[in-house]
Protein backbone atom coordinates (compact mmCIF):
# COMPACT_ATOMS: atom_id res chain seq x y z
CA MET A 1 7.37 -57.75 19.32
CA ILE A 2 5.66 -60.92 20.65
CA ILE A 3 5.35 -62.16 17.10
CA LEU A 4 9.12 -61.81 16.47
CA ILE A 5 9.86 -63.66 19.78
CA LYS A 6 7.53 -66.39 18.75
CA LEU A 7 9.07 -66.68 15.27
CA ILE A 8 12.49 -67.13 16.79
CA LEU A 9 11.11 -69.65 19.27
CA ALA A 10 9.65 -71.69 16.32
CA HIS A 11 13.06 -71.51 14.52
CA LEU A 12 14.95 -72.80 17.57
CA ILE A 13 12.53 -75.65 18.13
CA GLY A 14 12.56 -76.60 14.46
CA ASP A 15 16.35 -76.44 14.04
CA PHE A 16 17.53 -77.80 17.31
CA VAL A 17 14.81 -79.78 19.03
CA LEU A 18 12.89 -81.38 16.25
CA GLN A 19 15.79 -82.09 13.89
CA PRO A 20 17.46 -85.39 14.74
CA ARG A 21 21.16 -85.92 13.90
CA SER A 22 20.16 -88.57 11.37
CA TRP A 23 18.19 -86.04 9.39
CA VAL A 24 21.20 -83.75 9.29
CA LYS A 25 23.41 -86.40 8.00
CA GLU A 26 20.89 -87.52 5.36
CA LYS A 27 20.48 -83.89 4.19
CA GLU A 28 24.27 -83.48 3.82
CA LYS A 29 24.55 -86.67 1.92
CA LYS A 30 21.50 -86.43 -0.43
CA LYS A 31 21.09 -82.68 -0.44
CA ALA A 32 18.04 -81.68 -2.52
CA LYS A 33 17.06 -85.37 -2.99
CA SER A 34 16.53 -85.85 0.74
CA PHE A 35 13.00 -86.14 1.79
CA LYS A 36 13.93 -85.09 5.37
CA LEU A 37 14.99 -81.73 3.94
CA TYR A 38 11.46 -80.90 2.79
CA LEU A 39 9.92 -82.38 5.91
CA HIS A 40 12.22 -80.04 7.94
CA PHE A 41 10.91 -77.04 5.97
CA LEU A 42 7.26 -78.14 6.55
CA ILE A 43 7.84 -78.50 10.27
CA HIS A 44 9.09 -74.91 10.43
CA GLY A 45 5.96 -73.62 8.76
CA LEU A 46 3.70 -75.61 11.09
CA LEU A 47 5.56 -74.51 14.08
CA ILE A 48 5.07 -70.91 13.18
CA LEU A 49 1.29 -71.51 12.79
CA LEU A 50 1.28 -73.42 16.07
CA VAL A 51 3.05 -70.76 18.25
CA LEU A 52 1.09 -67.91 16.62
CA TRP A 53 -2.15 -69.96 16.92
CA ASN A 54 -3.86 -68.01 14.16
CA LEU A 55 -4.41 -69.16 10.51
CA GLN A 56 -4.39 -65.56 9.39
CA TYR A 57 -0.62 -65.76 9.65
CA TRP A 58 -0.42 -68.46 6.96
CA PHE A 59 1.31 -66.27 4.44
CA LEU A 60 3.83 -65.18 7.17
CA ALA A 61 4.50 -68.84 7.97
CA LEU A 62 4.81 -69.67 4.27
CA SER A 63 7.25 -66.82 3.72
CA VAL A 64 9.48 -67.82 6.50
CA MET A 65 9.44 -71.46 5.66
CA LEU A 66 10.39 -70.83 1.95
CA ILE A 67 13.24 -68.43 2.93
CA HIS A 68 14.45 -70.96 5.52
CA GLY A 69 14.40 -73.57 2.78
CA LEU A 70 16.56 -71.50 0.47
CA ILE A 71 19.10 -70.81 3.10
CA ASP A 72 19.31 -74.41 4.08
CA MET A 73 19.62 -75.40 0.51
CA ALA A 74 22.43 -72.94 -0.08
CA LYS A 75 24.23 -74.29 3.02
CA LEU A 76 24.08 -77.86 1.82
CA TYR A 77 25.74 -77.10 -1.45
CA PHE A 78 28.34 -74.61 -0.29
CA GLN A 79 29.31 -76.36 2.96
CA LYS A 80 32.42 -78.43 2.95
CA LYS A 81 34.12 -80.58 5.56
CA ASN A 82 36.64 -77.85 6.39
CA ASN A 83 34.15 -75.05 6.78
CA LYS A 84 31.19 -76.63 8.58
CA THR A 85 31.59 -74.37 11.64
CA SER A 86 31.68 -71.26 9.50
CA TRP A 87 28.57 -72.30 7.53
CA PHE A 88 26.75 -73.23 10.79
CA VAL A 89 27.23 -69.58 12.05
CA ILE A 90 26.38 -68.13 8.58
CA ASP A 91 23.29 -70.31 8.34
CA GLN A 92 21.87 -69.38 11.78
CA GLY A 93 22.69 -65.73 11.23
CA LEU A 94 20.87 -65.66 7.88
CA HIS A 95 17.81 -67.38 9.46
CA LEU A 96 17.61 -64.81 12.24
CA ILE A 97 18.08 -61.86 9.88
CA SER A 98 15.43 -63.17 7.56
CA ILE A 99 12.94 -63.72 10.40
CA PHE A 100 13.66 -60.15 11.48
CA ILE A 101 13.10 -58.68 8.06
CA VAL A 102 9.91 -60.71 7.38
CA TRP A 103 8.66 -59.55 10.77
CA LEU A 104 9.44 -55.86 9.92
CA ILE A 105 7.62 -56.15 6.64
CA TRP A 106 4.59 -58.06 8.09
CA THR A 107 4.07 -55.61 10.97
CA ASN A 108 4.98 -52.53 8.98
CA LYS A 109 7.53 -51.46 11.62
CA ASN A 110 9.34 -48.19 10.89
CA LEU A 111 12.64 -48.43 12.76
CA GLU A 112 14.12 -45.29 11.20
CA ILE A 113 17.22 -47.18 10.07
CA SER A 114 19.02 -44.04 8.89
CA LEU A 115 18.66 -42.49 12.38
CA TRP A 116 19.83 -45.71 13.98
CA LEU A 117 22.90 -45.81 11.88
CA GLU A 118 23.77 -42.20 12.74
CA SER A 119 23.74 -43.04 16.47
CA THR A 120 27.05 -42.14 18.09
CA SER A 121 26.75 -44.84 20.65
CA LEU A 122 26.37 -47.53 17.87
CA TRP A 123 29.64 -46.61 16.27
CA ILE A 124 31.44 -46.20 19.57
CA TYR A 125 30.49 -49.80 20.52
CA ILE A 126 31.36 -51.15 17.01
CA THR A 127 34.82 -49.53 17.17
CA ALA A 128 35.40 -50.77 20.70
CA LEU A 129 34.46 -54.34 19.84
CA LEU A 130 36.58 -54.30 16.74
CA PHE A 131 39.52 -53.07 18.82
CA LEU A 132 39.03 -55.71 21.53
CA THR A 133 38.58 -58.70 19.06
CA SER A 134 41.18 -58.02 16.42
CA VAL A 135 43.48 -55.11 17.11
CA THR A 136 44.33 -55.91 20.74
CA GLY A 137 45.39 -59.54 19.96
CA ILE A 138 47.95 -58.21 17.40
CA LEU A 139 49.01 -55.36 19.81
CA ILE A 140 49.71 -57.86 22.63
CA GLN A 141 51.51 -60.28 20.36
CA VAL A 142 53.81 -57.42 19.20
CA LEU A 143 54.40 -56.12 22.70
CA LEU A 144 55.38 -59.67 23.92
CA THR A 145 57.57 -60.56 20.98
CA LYS A 146 60.69 -60.03 23.02
CA TRP A 147 59.55 -62.41 25.87
CA SER A 148 58.04 -64.98 23.55
CA LYS A 149 61.25 -65.57 21.75
CA SER A 150 62.97 -66.45 25.04
CA ILE A 151 60.64 -69.31 25.71
CA ASN A 152 62.10 -72.66 24.79
CA GLU A 153 60.18 -74.19 21.88
CA GLY A 154 58.78 -77.55 22.75
CA GLU A 155 56.08 -79.95 21.54
CA ASN A 156 53.00 -77.98 20.73
CA GLN A 157 50.16 -79.56 22.58
CA SER A 158 47.85 -76.61 22.33
CA LEU A 159 44.93 -76.26 19.93
CA ASP A 160 45.48 -74.15 16.84
CA ASN A 161 44.78 -70.47 17.69
CA ALA A 162 43.44 -71.47 21.06
CA GLY A 163 45.32 -68.70 22.79
CA LYS A 164 43.96 -66.13 20.33
CA TYR A 165 40.34 -66.94 20.86
CA ILE A 166 40.78 -67.26 24.71
CA GLY A 167 42.18 -63.71 24.63
CA ILE A 168 39.30 -62.46 22.48
CA LEU A 169 36.74 -63.92 24.82
CA GLU A 170 38.27 -62.79 27.99
CA ARG A 171 38.56 -59.20 26.67
CA LEU A 172 34.92 -59.27 25.51
CA PHE A 173 33.87 -60.58 29.00
CA VAL A 174 35.91 -57.92 30.80
CA PHE A 175 34.51 -55.13 28.43
CA THR A 176 31.00 -56.32 29.16
CA PHE A 177 31.48 -56.49 32.85
CA VAL A 178 32.94 -52.93 32.91
CA ILE A 179 29.96 -51.62 30.85
CA LEU A 180 27.54 -53.33 33.16
CA GLY A 181 29.46 -52.18 36.23
CA ARG A 182 30.10 -55.70 37.47
CA TRP A 183 33.67 -55.32 38.63
CA GLU A 184 33.43 -58.35 41.00
CA ALA A 185 32.91 -60.51 37.95
CA ILE A 186 36.25 -59.33 36.45
CA GLY A 187 37.99 -60.58 39.73
CA PHE A 188 36.14 -63.91 39.40
CA LEU A 189 37.26 -64.27 35.68
CA LEU A 190 40.84 -63.52 36.63
CA ALA A 191 40.76 -66.04 39.47
CA ALA A 192 39.24 -68.68 37.22
CA LYS A 193 41.83 -68.18 34.61
CA SER A 194 44.58 -68.41 37.26
CA VAL A 195 43.22 -71.74 38.54
CA PHE A 196 43.17 -73.25 34.98
CA ARG A 197 46.68 -71.97 34.28
CA PHE A 198 48.07 -73.07 37.62
CA GLY A 199 48.50 -76.73 36.48
CA ASP A 200 50.46 -75.82 33.32
CA LEU A 201 52.70 -73.42 35.19
CA LYS A 202 53.37 -75.96 37.93
CA GLU A 203 54.27 -78.67 35.47
CA SER A 204 56.49 -76.43 33.29
CA LYS A 205 58.48 -75.06 36.21
CA ASP A 206 59.60 -72.29 33.87
CA ARG A 207 59.80 -68.86 35.50
CA LYS A 208 59.96 -67.08 32.13
CA LEU A 209 56.85 -68.83 30.93
CA THR A 210 55.01 -67.78 34.10
CA GLU A 211 56.04 -64.14 33.73
CA TYR A 212 55.09 -64.21 30.13
CA ILE A 213 51.62 -65.49 30.79
CA LEU A 214 51.12 -63.01 33.66
CA ILE A 215 52.18 -60.07 31.71
CA GLY A 216 49.93 -61.02 28.71
CA THR A 217 46.95 -61.67 31.09
CA LEU A 218 47.36 -58.36 32.82
CA LEU A 219 47.74 -56.50 29.48
CA SER A 220 44.72 -58.11 28.05
CA PHE A 221 42.52 -57.40 31.08
CA GLY A 222 44.03 -53.88 31.51
CA ILE A 223 43.32 -52.88 27.94
CA ALA A 224 39.76 -54.25 28.10
CA ILE A 225 39.05 -52.32 31.30
CA MET A 226 40.49 -49.14 29.84
CA ILE A 227 38.39 -49.41 26.67
CA GLY A 228 35.26 -50.11 28.84
CA ILE A 229 35.94 -47.06 30.99
CA VAL A 230 36.51 -44.81 27.85
CA VAL A 231 33.22 -46.05 26.23
CA LEU A 232 31.34 -45.43 29.38
CA GLY A 233 32.89 -41.94 29.60
CA ILE A 234 32.01 -40.86 26.00
CA SER A 235 28.74 -42.76 25.29
């Protein structure tokens, strides 16, 4: 396991500490013609040898370095201005997955993947997370349709889909706190949200908007708590 941790450490140093913003811009502009791109690959390979401190791992370092290079190259050619965030997430995800796979092969780890996929707890958590991230948002939106229509439409000063992602994050936090048994953290989260919302509600002086936000918040928190309790009860 220590080898896997060191590989991830080397990746984080190479991608976030030893990669200046100027290198990123040059790579995006010149792509495969950028000298900094290949220097970046080389740094990753050297970092792996450095953190492992054993030349016997040269093939492991070379493998991770080459796979890292292929992933970065794909990102440069498929990434556009309007999907940079998505490709950043995809890029980092692929790097971590590739590191994990190379580590498994190198250490001959037998994780009994088939048994892991048959785990009841795994599918319970996947179902719960899907419900909290996607289904609940739509459910609350439908339930609040009647009240949302009564709010006077004004200038939209909010970020696109900001409310959606705030709701997803708060439900994930509440779910996690329930699983961990940290009920006091849920109270802190609710209080923090109330503080941030206080200014908006004070300025709007709209009772219907206040009631709408309060109902939505309580529904979101309540559903997340309920799902957390159910998961704890059946897992």
